[in-house]
Amino acid sequence: MTERPLRAALYARVSTVGHGQDVGLQLDELQLVAKQRGWQATEYVDDGVSGAKDSRPALDRMMADARAGRLDLVAVWRFDRFARSTKHLLVSLDELRCLGVDFLSLREQVDTSTPMGRAVFTIIAAISELERETIRERVVAGVRRAQAAGKHCGRPKVELDLRPALALLKDGRSLKETSRILGVSRNTLRRRLREAGDWPQPARRASA
């Protein structure tokens, strides 16, 4: 039985079209590696798209394909072509790890399909867990400060600072993951977001 080739995403990006910037250099090197390793490669190119943008068409499409199980590996020319910040890089690599998708950066020589490269995913997972615990501890400390100041926390309403939740949701985390990080129930978080006007109300059914 013939083993199917690895389904690889080749991601490339430049911020400005022209002015010496061209995705060709990135794609040439990525395609060469794909050919050498026998990958079934698909290109995802954001041409003239700033890396600081929260949403990039090709990147969003690539991550959607990864979540749908259509990719085995994501290859980039350099970290900064892929991620807009260190935090974004850590979050994205942690998601790829959870999805079982390997990651290759040519310039940084990081390849998680190798035993040494897999250690990178272990480190990233540890950093991400530390970040989640730090956010949770800050929220818990905020609740305790509110209680010490005499604010009611009785059965009652859970004191909840929505700013960390909004930041995590804006960063692409799901409501389920955000509620887990913050240590509150999903229903409580959804209710508080709706009360604050930051979550869409459920659509009403049309009467028969």
N, C-alpha and C. Protein backbone atom coordinates (compact mmCIF):
# COMPACT_ATOMS: atom_id res chain seq x y z
N MET A 1 0.84 -1.20 0.00
CA MET A 1 0.00 0.00 0.00
C MET A 1 0.88 1.25 0.00
N THR A 2 0.66 2.12 -0.99
CA THR A 2 1.46 3.33 -1.12
C THR A 2 1.05 4.36 -0.09
N GLU A 3 2.05 4.89 0.62
CA GLU A 3 1.77 5.91 1.63
C GLU A 3 1.50 7.24 0.94
N ARG A 4 0.43 7.92 1.37
CA ARG A 4 0.09 9.19 0.74
C ARG A 4 1.11 10.25 1.10
N PRO A 5 1.37 11.20 0.20
CA PRO A 5 2.34 12.26 0.50
C PRO A 5 1.82 13.18 1.60
N LEU A 6 2.74 13.82 2.28
CA LEU A 6 2.39 14.76 3.34
C LEU A 6 1.68 15.97 2.74
N ARG A 7 0.55 16.35 3.33
CA ARG A 7 -0.21 17.52 2.86
C ARG A 7 0.34 18.76 3.56
N ALA A 8 1.09 19.55 2.81
CA ALA A 8 1.78 20.69 3.40
C ALA A 8 1.21 22.01 2.90
N ALA A 9 1.09 22.97 3.82
CA ALA A 9 0.71 24.34 3.47
C ALA A 9 1.98 25.17 3.39
N LEU A 10 2.17 25.86 2.27
CA LEU A 10 3.31 26.77 2.13
C LEU A 10 2.76 28.18 2.28
N TYR A 11 3.07 28.82 3.41
CA TYR A 11 2.53 30.15 3.67
C TYR A 11 3.59 31.22 3.44
N ALA A 12 3.21 32.25 2.66
CA ALA A 12 4.11 33.36 2.37
C ALA A 12 3.35 34.67 2.48
N ARG A 13 4.06 35.73 2.87
CA ARG A 13 3.43 37.05 3.02
C ARG A 13 4.45 38.17 2.84
N VAL A 14 4.01 39.24 2.19
CA VAL A 14 4.76 40.50 2.19
C VAL A 14 3.77 41.62 2.51
N SER A 15 4.27 42.66 3.18
CA SER A 15 3.39 43.75 3.61
C SER A 15 3.04 44.68 2.46
N THR A 16 4.00 44.92 1.58
CA THR A 16 3.82 45.90 0.51
C THR A 16 4.20 45.28 -0.81
N VAL A 17 3.34 45.45 -1.81
CA VAL A 17 3.65 44.97 -3.15
C VAL A 17 4.63 45.94 -3.77
N GLY A 18 5.71 45.43 -4.37
CA GLY A 18 6.72 46.31 -4.94
C GLY A 18 7.71 46.72 -3.88
N HIS A 19 8.47 47.79 -4.16
CA HIS A 19 9.46 48.31 -3.22
C HIS A 19 10.42 47.21 -2.75
N GLY A 20 10.77 46.33 -3.67
CA GLY A 20 11.72 45.27 -3.34
C GLY A 20 11.13 44.09 -2.60
N GLN A 21 9.83 44.13 -2.31
CA GLN A 21 9.19 43.02 -1.59
C GLN A 21 8.47 42.12 -2.59
N ASP A 22 8.72 40.84 -2.48
CA ASP A 22 8.13 39.88 -3.41
C ASP A 22 8.03 38.53 -2.72
N VAL A 23 6.85 37.92 -2.80
CA VAL A 23 6.68 36.60 -2.17
C VAL A 23 7.44 35.52 -2.92
N GLY A 24 7.94 35.86 -4.12
CA GLY A 24 8.63 34.86 -4.93
C GLY A 24 9.81 34.22 -4.23
N LEU A 25 10.60 35.03 -3.52
CA LEU A 25 11.77 34.50 -2.81
C LEU A 25 11.34 33.47 -1.77
N GLN A 26 10.31 33.81 -1.01
CA GLN A 26 9.83 32.88 0.02
C GLN A 26 9.31 31.59 -0.61
N LEU A 27 8.48 31.75 -1.66
CA LEU A 27 7.87 30.57 -2.28
C LEU A 27 8.90 29.69 -2.98
N ASP A 28 9.92 30.30 -3.59
CA ASP A 28 10.95 29.51 -4.28
C ASP A 28 11.62 28.54 -3.30
N GLU A 29 11.98 29.05 -2.10
CA GLU A 29 12.66 28.21 -1.12
C GLU A 29 11.71 27.16 -0.53
N LEU A 30 10.47 27.58 -0.28
CA LEU A 30 9.49 26.63 0.27
C LEU A 30 9.17 25.53 -0.74
N GLN A 31 9.01 25.90 -2.01
CA GLN A 31 8.71 24.91 -3.05
C GLN A 31 9.86 23.93 -3.24
N LEU A 32 11.09 24.43 -3.10
CA LEU A 32 12.26 23.56 -3.24
C LEU A 32 12.25 22.49 -2.14
N VAL A 33 11.98 22.90 -0.91
CA VAL A 33 11.93 21.95 0.19
C VAL A 33 10.78 20.95 -0.01
N ALA A 34 9.63 21.47 -0.47
CA ALA A 34 8.47 20.60 -0.71
C ALA A 34 8.79 19.54 -1.77
N LYS A 35 9.50 19.95 -2.81
CA LYS A 35 9.87 19.01 -3.88
C LYS A 35 10.86 17.98 -3.37
N GLN A 36 11.84 18.44 -2.58
CA GLN A 36 12.86 17.52 -2.06
C GLN A 36 12.24 16.48 -1.13
N ARG A 37 11.22 16.87 -0.38
CA ARG A 37 10.62 15.96 0.60
C ARG A 37 9.38 15.24 0.08
N GLY A 38 8.99 15.54 -1.15
CA GLY A 38 7.85 14.84 -1.75
C GLY A 38 6.51 15.21 -1.16
N TRP A 39 6.36 16.47 -0.73
CA TRP A 39 5.11 16.91 -0.15
C TRP A 39 4.05 17.18 -1.22
N GLN A 40 2.82 17.05 -0.86
CA GLN A 40 1.69 17.53 -1.67
C GLN A 40 1.39 18.94 -1.16
N ALA A 41 1.95 19.93 -1.85
CA ALA A 41 1.96 21.29 -1.32
C ALA A 41 0.85 22.17 -1.88
N THR A 42 0.28 22.99 -1.00
CA THR A 42 -0.71 24.00 -1.37
C THR A 42 -0.20 25.36 -0.87
N GLU A 43 -0.23 26.35 -1.76
CA GLU A 43 0.29 27.68 -1.40
C GLU A 43 -0.82 28.56 -0.83
N TYR A 44 -0.47 29.28 0.21
CA TYR A 44 -1.36 30.27 0.83
C TYR A 44 -0.57 31.58 0.88
N VAL A 45 -1.00 32.56 0.10
CA VAL A 45 -0.21 33.78 -0.06
C VAL A 45 -1.01 35.02 0.29
N ASP A 46 -0.48 35.80 1.24
CA ASP A 46 -1.03 37.12 1.55
C ASP A 46 -0.07 38.15 0.96
N ASP A 47 -0.41 38.67 -0.20
CA ASP A 47 0.45 39.61 -0.92
C ASP A 47 0.00 41.03 -0.64
N GLY A 48 0.85 41.84 -0.03
CA GLY A 48 0.48 43.21 0.29
C GLY A 48 -0.42 43.31 1.50
N VAL A 49 -0.27 42.39 2.46
CA VAL A 49 -1.10 42.37 3.66
C VAL A 49 -0.20 42.55 4.88
N SER A 50 -0.48 43.53 5.71
CA SER A 50 0.33 43.81 6.89
C SER A 50 0.27 42.64 7.87
N GLY A 51 1.42 42.34 8.46
CA GLY A 51 1.47 41.27 9.45
C GLY A 51 0.81 41.66 10.75
N ALA A 52 0.54 42.96 10.94
CA ALA A 52 -0.09 43.41 12.18
C ALA A 52 -1.60 43.23 12.18
N LYS A 53 -2.17 42.90 11.02
CA LYS A 53 -3.62 42.75 10.93
C LYS A 53 -4.08 41.49 11.65
N ASP A 54 -5.23 41.61 12.34
CA ASP A 54 -5.80 40.46 13.04
C ASP A 54 -6.27 39.39 12.07
N SER A 55 -6.76 39.84 10.91
CA SER A 55 -7.30 38.90 9.93
C SER A 55 -6.55 39.03 8.61
N ARG A 56 -6.05 37.90 8.11
CA ARG A 56 -5.38 37.87 6.82
C ARG A 56 -6.03 36.75 6.01
N PRO A 57 -6.54 37.06 4.82
CA PRO A 57 -7.32 36.08 4.04
C PRO A 57 -6.66 34.71 3.88
N ALA A 58 -5.41 34.68 3.41
CA ALA A 58 -4.76 33.39 3.16
C ALA A 58 -4.44 32.67 4.47
N LEU A 59 -3.99 33.41 5.47
CA LEU A 59 -3.69 32.80 6.76
C LEU A 59 -4.96 32.21 7.39
N ASP A 60 -6.06 32.98 7.33
CA ASP A 60 -7.32 32.50 7.89
C ASP A 60 -7.77 31.22 7.17
N ARG A 61 -7.61 31.19 5.84
CA ARG A 61 -8.01 30.02 5.05
C ARG A 61 -7.14 28.82 5.41
N MET A 62 -5.84 29.06 5.58
CA MET A 62 -4.93 27.98 5.93
C MET A 62 -5.27 27.39 7.30
N MET A 63 -5.53 28.26 8.30
CA MET A 63 -5.86 27.76 9.63
C MET A 63 -7.19 27.01 9.62
N ALA A 64 -8.13 27.47 8.78
CA ALA A 64 -9.41 26.77 8.65
C ALA A 64 -9.19 25.37 8.07
N ASP A 65 -8.28 25.25 7.09
CA ASP A 65 -7.98 23.93 6.51
C ASP A 65 -7.30 23.03 7.54
N ALA A 66 -6.44 23.63 8.38
CA ALA A 66 -5.77 22.84 9.42
C ALA A 66 -6.80 22.31 10.41
N ARG A 67 -7.76 23.17 10.79
CA ARG A 67 -8.80 22.75 11.74
C ARG A 67 -9.71 21.69 11.15
N ALA A 68 -9.85 21.71 9.81
CA ALA A 68 -10.71 20.74 9.14
C ALA A 68 -9.99 19.43 8.86
N GLY A 69 -8.73 19.33 9.27
CA GLY A 69 -7.98 18.08 9.08
C GLY A 69 -7.45 17.90 7.68
N ARG A 70 -7.30 19.00 6.93
CA ARG A 70 -6.82 18.89 5.55
C ARG A 70 -5.32 19.13 5.41
N LEU A 71 -4.62 19.36 6.53
CA LEU A 71 -3.19 19.64 6.47
C LEU A 71 -2.43 18.76 7.48
N ASP A 72 -1.20 18.40 7.10
CA ASP A 72 -0.32 17.66 8.01
C ASP A 72 0.82 18.53 8.51
N LEU A 73 1.11 19.60 7.76
CA LEU A 73 2.25 20.44 8.11
C LEU A 73 2.07 21.84 7.55
N VAL A 74 2.54 22.83 8.28
CA VAL A 74 2.57 24.22 7.82
C VAL A 74 4.03 24.64 7.71
N ALA A 75 4.42 25.14 6.55
CA ALA A 75 5.80 25.58 6.33
C ALA A 75 5.82 27.07 6.00
N VAL A 76 6.71 27.79 6.66
CA VAL A 76 6.86 29.23 6.42
C VAL A 76 8.34 29.54 6.19
N TRP A 77 8.58 30.70 5.59
CA TRP A 77 9.95 31.11 5.32
C TRP A 77 10.62 31.61 6.59
N ARG A 78 9.85 32.37 7.40
CA ARG A 78 10.37 32.93 8.64
C ARG A 78 9.20 33.20 9.57
N PHE A 79 9.43 33.16 10.88
CA PHE A 79 8.38 33.38 11.87
C PHE A 79 7.58 34.65 11.60
N ASP A 80 8.27 35.76 11.30
CA ASP A 80 7.56 37.04 11.19
C ASP A 80 6.70 37.14 9.94
N ARG A 81 6.85 36.19 9.01
CA ARG A 81 5.94 36.14 7.85
C ARG A 81 4.62 35.53 8.27
N PHE A 82 4.65 34.74 9.34
CA PHE A 82 3.49 33.97 9.79
C PHE A 82 2.75 34.65 10.93
N ALA A 83 3.47 35.07 11.97
CA ALA A 83 2.84 35.58 13.19
C ALA A 83 3.03 37.08 13.33
N ARG A 84 2.02 37.76 13.90
CA ARG A 84 2.09 39.22 14.06
C ARG A 84 2.78 39.61 15.36
N SER A 85 2.97 38.66 16.28
CA SER A 85 3.62 38.95 17.55
C SER A 85 4.06 37.62 18.15
N THR A 86 4.89 37.72 19.20
CA THR A 86 5.33 36.51 19.88
C THR A 86 4.13 35.76 20.46
N LYS A 87 3.20 36.51 21.03
CA LYS A 87 2.01 35.89 21.61
C LYS A 87 1.21 35.15 20.54
N HIS A 88 1.03 35.80 19.38
CA HIS A 88 0.29 35.15 18.28
C HIS A 88 0.99 33.89 17.82
N LEU A 89 2.34 33.94 17.77
CA LEU A 89 3.10 32.77 17.36
C LEU A 89 2.88 31.62 18.33
N LEU A 90 2.97 31.91 19.64
CA LEU A 90 2.79 30.86 20.64
C LEU A 90 1.39 30.26 20.59
N VAL A 91 0.38 31.14 20.46
CA VAL A 91 -1.01 30.66 20.41
C VAL A 91 -1.23 29.79 19.17
N SER A 92 -0.72 30.24 18.02
CA SER A 92 -0.92 29.51 16.77
C SER A 92 -0.19 28.17 16.78
N LEU A 93 1.05 28.16 17.26
CA LEU A 93 1.80 26.91 17.31
C LEU A 93 1.18 25.93 18.30
N ASP A 94 0.64 26.46 19.40
CA ASP A 94 -0.02 25.58 20.36
C ASP A 94 -1.27 24.97 19.74
N GLU A 95 -2.00 25.76 18.94
CA GLU A 95 -3.19 25.22 18.27
C GLU A 95 -2.79 24.15 17.26
N LEU A 96 -1.74 24.41 16.47
CA LEU A 96 -1.28 23.43 15.49
C LEU A 96 -0.87 22.13 16.19
N ARG A 97 -0.19 22.27 17.34
CA ARG A 97 0.20 21.08 18.11
C ARG A 97 -1.02 20.27 18.51
N CYS A 98 -2.06 20.96 18.99
CA CYS A 98 -3.29 20.27 19.40
C CYS A 98 -3.99 19.60 18.22
N LEU A 99 -3.84 20.18 17.03
CA LEU A 99 -4.46 19.64 15.82
C LEU A 99 -3.63 18.52 15.20
N GLY A 100 -2.42 18.31 15.72
CA GLY A 100 -1.55 17.28 15.14
C GLY A 100 -0.91 17.72 13.85
N VAL A 101 -0.74 19.03 13.67
CA VAL A 101 -0.13 19.58 12.46
C VAL A 101 1.28 20.05 12.79
N ASP A 102 2.27 19.56 12.04
CA ASP A 102 3.65 19.96 12.27
C ASP A 102 3.91 21.35 11.70
N PHE A 103 5.06 21.94 12.10
CA PHE A 103 5.39 23.30 11.69
C PHE A 103 6.87 23.36 11.31
N LEU A 104 7.13 24.06 10.20
CA LEU A 104 8.51 24.23 9.73
C LEU A 104 8.76 25.70 9.42
N SER A 105 9.83 26.26 9.98
CA SER A 105 10.28 27.60 9.63
C SER A 105 11.69 27.46 9.06
N LEU A 106 11.87 27.84 7.80
CA LEU A 106 13.16 27.63 7.14
C LEU A 106 14.27 28.45 7.78
N ARG A 107 14.04 29.74 7.97
CA ARG A 107 15.08 30.62 8.46
C ARG A 107 15.48 30.32 9.91
N GLU A 108 14.50 30.00 10.75
CA GLU A 108 14.81 29.68 12.15
C GLU A 108 15.21 28.22 12.33
N GLN A 109 15.09 27.42 11.23
CA GLN A 109 15.45 26.00 11.26
C GLN A 109 14.71 25.25 12.37
N VAL A 110 13.41 25.52 12.45
CA VAL A 110 12.54 24.81 13.39
C VAL A 110 11.68 23.85 12.59
N ASP A 111 11.75 22.58 12.90
CA ASP A 111 10.98 21.56 12.18
C ASP A 111 10.44 20.57 13.21
N THR A 112 9.15 20.71 13.52
CA THR A 112 8.57 19.87 14.58
C THR A 112 8.25 18.45 14.10
N SER A 113 8.56 18.14 12.84
CA SER A 113 8.38 16.77 12.38
C SER A 113 9.59 15.90 12.78
N THR A 114 10.64 16.53 13.31
CA THR A 114 11.83 15.81 13.76
C THR A 114 11.79 15.68 15.30
N PRO A 115 12.51 14.69 15.85
CA PRO A 115 12.53 14.53 17.31
C PRO A 115 12.99 15.80 18.03
N MET A 116 14.04 16.45 17.52
CA MET A 116 14.53 17.67 18.15
C MET A 116 13.51 18.79 18.03
N GLY A 117 12.87 18.89 16.87
CA GLY A 117 11.88 19.94 16.65
C GLY A 117 10.65 19.76 17.52
N ARG A 118 10.30 18.51 17.82
CA ARG A 118 9.12 18.26 18.65
C ARG A 118 9.30 18.83 20.06
N ALA A 119 10.56 18.97 20.46
CA ALA A 119 10.82 19.57 21.77
C ALA A 119 10.33 21.01 21.80
N VAL A 120 10.33 21.66 20.64
CA VAL A 120 9.85 23.05 20.55
C VAL A 120 8.38 23.10 20.93
N PHE A 121 7.59 22.15 20.42
CA PHE A 121 6.17 22.10 20.75
C PHE A 121 5.97 21.88 22.24
N THR A 122 6.83 21.07 22.86
CA THR A 122 6.72 20.84 24.31
C THR A 122 6.95 22.14 25.07
N ILE A 123 7.95 22.90 24.65
CA ILE A 123 8.25 24.18 25.29
C ILE A 123 7.10 25.16 25.09
N ILE A 124 6.58 25.20 23.86
CA ILE A 124 5.47 26.11 23.55
C ILE A 124 4.25 25.76 24.38
N ALA A 125 3.96 24.47 24.53
CA ALA A 125 2.82 24.04 25.32
C ALA A 125 2.98 24.48 26.77
N ALA A 126 4.22 24.38 27.29
CA ALA A 126 4.48 24.79 28.67
C ALA A 126 4.29 26.29 28.84
N ILE A 127 4.78 27.07 27.86
CA ILE A 127 4.63 28.53 27.93
C ILE A 127 3.16 28.92 27.85
N SER A 128 2.42 28.27 26.97
CA SER A 128 1.00 28.57 26.83
C SER A 128 0.24 28.25 28.11
N GLU A 129 0.59 27.13 28.74
CA GLU A 129 -0.06 26.76 30.00
C GLU A 129 0.27 27.78 31.08
N LEU A 130 1.53 28.25 31.09
CA LEU A 130 1.94 29.27 32.06
C LEU A 130 1.14 30.55 31.85
N GLU A 131 0.95 30.91 30.57
CA GLU A 131 0.17 32.11 30.25
C GLU A 131 -1.26 31.97 30.75
N ARG A 132 -1.87 30.81 30.53
CA ARG A 132 -3.25 30.58 30.97
C ARG A 132 -3.36 30.68 32.49
N GLU A 133 -2.39 30.07 33.19
CA GLU A 133 -2.41 30.11 34.65
C GLU A 133 -2.21 31.52 35.17
N THR A 134 -1.34 32.29 34.50
CA THR A 134 -1.08 33.66 34.92
C THR A 134 -2.35 34.51 34.79
N ILE A 135 -3.06 34.35 33.67
CA ILE A 135 -4.30 35.10 33.45
C ILE A 135 -5.33 34.71 34.51
N ARG A 136 -5.43 33.40 34.76
CA ARG A 136 -6.41 32.93 35.74
C ARG A 136 -6.09 33.48 37.14
N GLU A 137 -4.80 33.46 37.51
CA GLU A 137 -4.41 33.95 38.83
C GLU A 137 -4.72 35.44 38.97
N ARG A 138 -4.53 36.20 37.90
CA ARG A 138 -4.84 37.63 37.96
C ARG A 138 -6.33 37.86 38.17
N VAL A 139 -7.14 37.05 37.47
CA VAL A 139 -8.59 37.20 37.61
C VAL A 139 -9.02 36.83 39.03
N VAL A 140 -8.49 35.71 39.54
CA VAL A 140 -8.85 35.28 40.90
C VAL A 140 -8.42 36.34 41.91
N ALA A 141 -7.22 36.91 41.71
CA ALA A 141 -6.74 37.94 42.63
C ALA A 141 -7.66 39.16 42.58
N GLY A 142 -8.17 39.48 41.39
CA GLY A 142 -9.08 40.60 41.26
C GLY A 142 -10.38 40.37 42.01
N VAL A 143 -10.88 39.14 41.95
CA VAL A 143 -12.11 38.79 42.68
C VAL A 143 -11.88 38.89 44.18
N ARG A 144 -10.73 38.41 44.65
CA ARG A 144 -10.44 38.47 46.09
C ARG A 144 -10.30 39.90 46.57
N ARG A 145 -9.70 40.74 45.74
CA ARG A 145 -9.58 42.15 46.12
C ARG A 145 -10.95 42.79 46.25
N ALA A 146 -11.85 42.42 45.32
CA ALA A 146 -13.20 42.96 45.35
C ALA A 146 -13.92 42.50 46.61
N GLN A 147 -13.73 41.24 46.97
CA GLN A 147 -14.36 40.72 48.19
C GLN A 147 -13.81 41.43 49.43
N ALA A 148 -12.50 41.66 49.46
CA ALA A 148 -11.88 42.33 50.60
C ALA A 148 -12.36 43.77 50.74
N ALA A 149 -12.75 44.36 49.60
CA ALA A 149 -13.23 45.74 49.62
C ALA A 149 -14.72 45.81 49.98
N GLY A 150 -15.33 44.65 50.26
CA GLY A 150 -16.72 44.64 50.70
C GLY A 150 -17.73 44.48 49.60
N LYS A 151 -17.25 44.20 48.38
CA LYS A 151 -18.20 43.98 47.29
C LYS A 151 -18.83 42.61 47.46
N HIS A 152 -20.13 42.57 47.13
CA HIS A 152 -20.87 41.31 47.37
C HIS A 152 -20.44 40.22 46.40
N CYS A 153 -20.08 39.08 46.89
CA CYS A 153 -19.75 37.95 46.03
C CYS A 153 -20.51 36.72 46.51
N GLY A 154 -21.55 36.88 47.09
CA GLY A 154 -22.28 35.80 47.74
C GLY A 154 -22.91 34.78 47.00
N ARG A 155 -23.88 34.03 46.77
CA ARG A 155 -24.17 33.19 45.63
C ARG A 155 -24.52 33.97 44.50
N PRO A 156 -24.68 34.20 44.42
CA PRO A 156 -24.66 35.44 43.74
C PRO A 156 -23.81 35.49 42.54
N LYS A 157 -23.65 36.75 42.17
CA LYS A 157 -22.94 37.03 40.94
C LYS A 157 -21.45 36.83 41.12
N VAL A 158 -20.86 36.07 40.21
CA VAL A 158 -19.41 35.91 40.24
C VAL A 158 -18.79 37.21 39.73
N GLU A 159 -17.88 37.76 40.54
CA GLU A 159 -17.18 38.97 40.08
C GLU A 159 -16.28 38.57 38.92
N LEU A 160 -16.40 39.25 37.82
CA LEU A 160 -15.64 38.84 36.64
C LEU A 160 -15.21 40.06 35.84
N ASP A 161 -13.91 40.23 35.71
CA ASP A 161 -13.36 41.29 34.86
C ASP A 161 -13.36 40.76 33.43
N LEU A 162 -14.15 41.41 32.57
CA LEU A 162 -14.30 40.90 31.20
C LEU A 162 -13.14 41.24 30.28
N ARG A 163 -12.26 42.10 30.73
CA ARG A 163 -11.17 42.52 29.82
C ARG A 163 -10.28 41.37 29.37
N PRO A 164 -9.85 40.46 30.28
CA PRO A 164 -9.06 39.31 29.81
C PRO A 164 -9.86 38.43 28.85
N ALA A 165 -11.16 38.27 29.12
CA ALA A 165 -11.99 37.43 28.25
C ALA A 165 -12.08 38.04 26.86
N LEU A 166 -12.31 39.35 26.80
CA LEU A 166 -12.43 40.02 25.50
C LEU A 166 -11.12 39.94 24.73
N ALA A 167 -9.99 40.06 25.45
CA ALA A 167 -8.68 39.98 24.80
C ALA A 167 -8.45 38.59 24.22
N LEU A 168 -8.81 37.55 24.98
CA LEU A 168 -8.64 36.17 24.51
C LEU A 168 -9.55 35.88 23.32
N LEU A 169 -10.80 36.34 23.38
CA LEU A 169 -11.73 36.12 22.27
C LEU A 169 -11.26 36.84 21.01
N LYS A 170 -10.74 38.06 21.19
CA LYS A 170 -10.24 38.83 20.05
C LYS A 170 -9.03 38.14 19.44
N ASP A 171 -8.28 37.40 20.28
CA ASP A 171 -7.09 36.72 19.81
C ASP A 171 -7.42 35.40 19.11
N GLY A 172 -8.73 35.10 19.01
CA GLY A 172 -9.13 33.90 18.28
C GLY A 172 -9.48 32.70 19.14
N ARG A 173 -9.42 32.85 20.48
CA ARG A 173 -9.80 31.72 21.34
C ARG A 173 -11.31 31.53 21.30
N SER A 174 -11.74 30.31 21.45
CA SER A 174 -13.17 30.01 21.50
C SER A 174 -13.72 30.38 22.87
N LEU A 175 -15.06 30.46 22.98
CA LEU A 175 -15.68 30.76 24.28
C LEU A 175 -15.36 29.65 25.28
N LYS A 176 -15.34 28.40 24.81
CA LYS A 176 -15.06 27.26 25.69
C LYS A 176 -13.64 27.36 26.26
N GLU A 177 -12.66 27.65 25.37
CA GLU A 177 -11.27 27.74 25.82
C GLU A 177 -11.07 28.93 26.74
N THR A 178 -11.73 30.06 26.40
CA THR A 178 -11.60 31.27 27.22
C THR A 178 -12.14 31.02 28.62
N SER A 179 -13.30 30.37 28.71
CA SER A 179 -13.89 30.11 30.03
C SER A 179 -13.00 29.16 30.84
N ARG A 180 -12.35 28.21 30.16
CA ARG A 180 -11.45 27.29 30.87
C ARG A 180 -10.23 28.02 31.41
N ILE A 181 -9.66 28.92 30.58
CA ILE A 181 -8.48 29.68 31.00
C ILE A 181 -8.80 30.54 32.22
N LEU A 182 -9.99 31.16 32.21
CA LEU A 182 -10.37 32.09 33.27
C LEU A 182 -10.97 31.39 34.48
N GLY A 183 -11.25 30.09 34.35
CA GLY A 183 -11.76 29.35 35.50
C GLY A 183 -13.20 29.66 35.83
N VAL A 184 -14.01 30.00 34.81
CA VAL A 184 -15.44 30.25 35.02
C VAL A 184 -16.21 29.37 34.05
N SER A 185 -17.49 29.18 34.35
CA SER A 185 -18.28 28.34 33.46
C SER A 185 -18.57 29.09 32.16
N ARG A 186 -18.77 28.30 31.11
CA ARG A 186 -19.04 28.90 29.81
C ARG A 186 -20.33 29.71 29.84
N ASN A 187 -21.36 29.17 30.55
CA ASN A 187 -22.65 29.87 30.62
C ASN A 187 -22.53 31.20 31.35
N THR A 188 -21.74 31.20 32.44
CA THR A 188 -21.55 32.45 33.19
C THR A 188 -20.85 33.49 32.33
N LEU A 189 -19.80 33.06 31.63
CA LEU A 189 -19.05 33.99 30.79
C LEU A 189 -19.93 34.53 29.67
N ARG A 190 -20.69 33.63 29.03
CA ARG A 190 -21.58 34.08 27.95
C ARG A 190 -22.61 35.08 28.47
N ARG A 191 -23.18 34.78 29.67
CA ARG A 191 -24.19 35.68 30.24
C ARG A 191 -23.60 37.06 30.55
N ARG A 192 -22.39 37.07 31.12
CA ARG A 192 -21.78 38.35 31.46
C ARG A 192 -21.44 39.17 30.22
N LEU A 193 -21.00 38.48 29.16
CA LEU A 193 -20.69 39.17 27.92
C LEU A 193 -21.96 39.77 27.31
N ARG A 194 -23.06 39.02 27.41
CA ARG A 194 -24.34 39.55 26.89
C ARG A 194 -24.81 40.73 27.71
N GLU A 195 -24.65 40.63 29.03
CA GLU A 195 -25.05 41.75 29.89
C GLU A 195 -24.26 43.02 29.59
N ALA A 196 -22.99 42.81 29.20
CA ALA A 196 -22.14 43.96 28.90
C ALA A 196 -22.27 44.42 27.44
N GLY A 197 -23.10 43.69 26.67
CA GLY A 197 -23.30 44.06 25.27
C GLY A 197 -22.18 43.63 24.36
N ASP A 198 -21.35 42.65 24.82
CA ASP A 198 -20.21 42.20 24.01
C ASP A 198 -20.42 40.80 23.43
N TRP A 199 -21.66 40.31 23.47
CA TRP A 199 -21.94 38.97 22.92
C TRP A 199 -23.30 39.03 22.25
N PRO A 200 -23.43 38.50 21.03
CA PRO A 200 -24.72 38.59 20.33
C PRO A 200 -25.83 37.83 21.03
N GLN A 201 -27.02 38.43 21.09
CA GLN A 201 -28.19 37.75 21.66
C GLN A 201 -28.64 36.64 20.72
N PRO A 202 -29.15 35.54 21.25
CA PRO A 202 -29.62 34.46 20.38
C PRO A 202 -30.81 34.94 19.55
N ALA A 203 -30.84 34.46 18.30
CA ALA A 203 -31.92 34.86 17.40
C ALA A 203 -33.24 34.23 17.88
N ARG A 204 -34.31 34.99 17.80
CA ARG A 204 -35.63 34.47 18.21
C ARG A 204 -36.27 33.70 17.07
N ARG A 205 -36.94 32.62 17.45
CA ARG A 205 -37.63 31.84 16.43
C ARG A 205 -38.87 32.59 15.95
N ALA A 206 -39.10 32.49 14.66
CA ALA A 206 -40.30 33.12 14.14
C ALA A 206 -41.52 32.31 14.59
N SER A 207 -42.57 33.00 15.02
CA SER A 207 -43.75 32.30 15.49
C SER A 207 -44.47 31.63 14.34
N ALA A 208 -45.08 30.50 14.62
CA ALA A 208 -45.73 29.72 13.56
C ALA A 208 -46.98 30.44 13.09
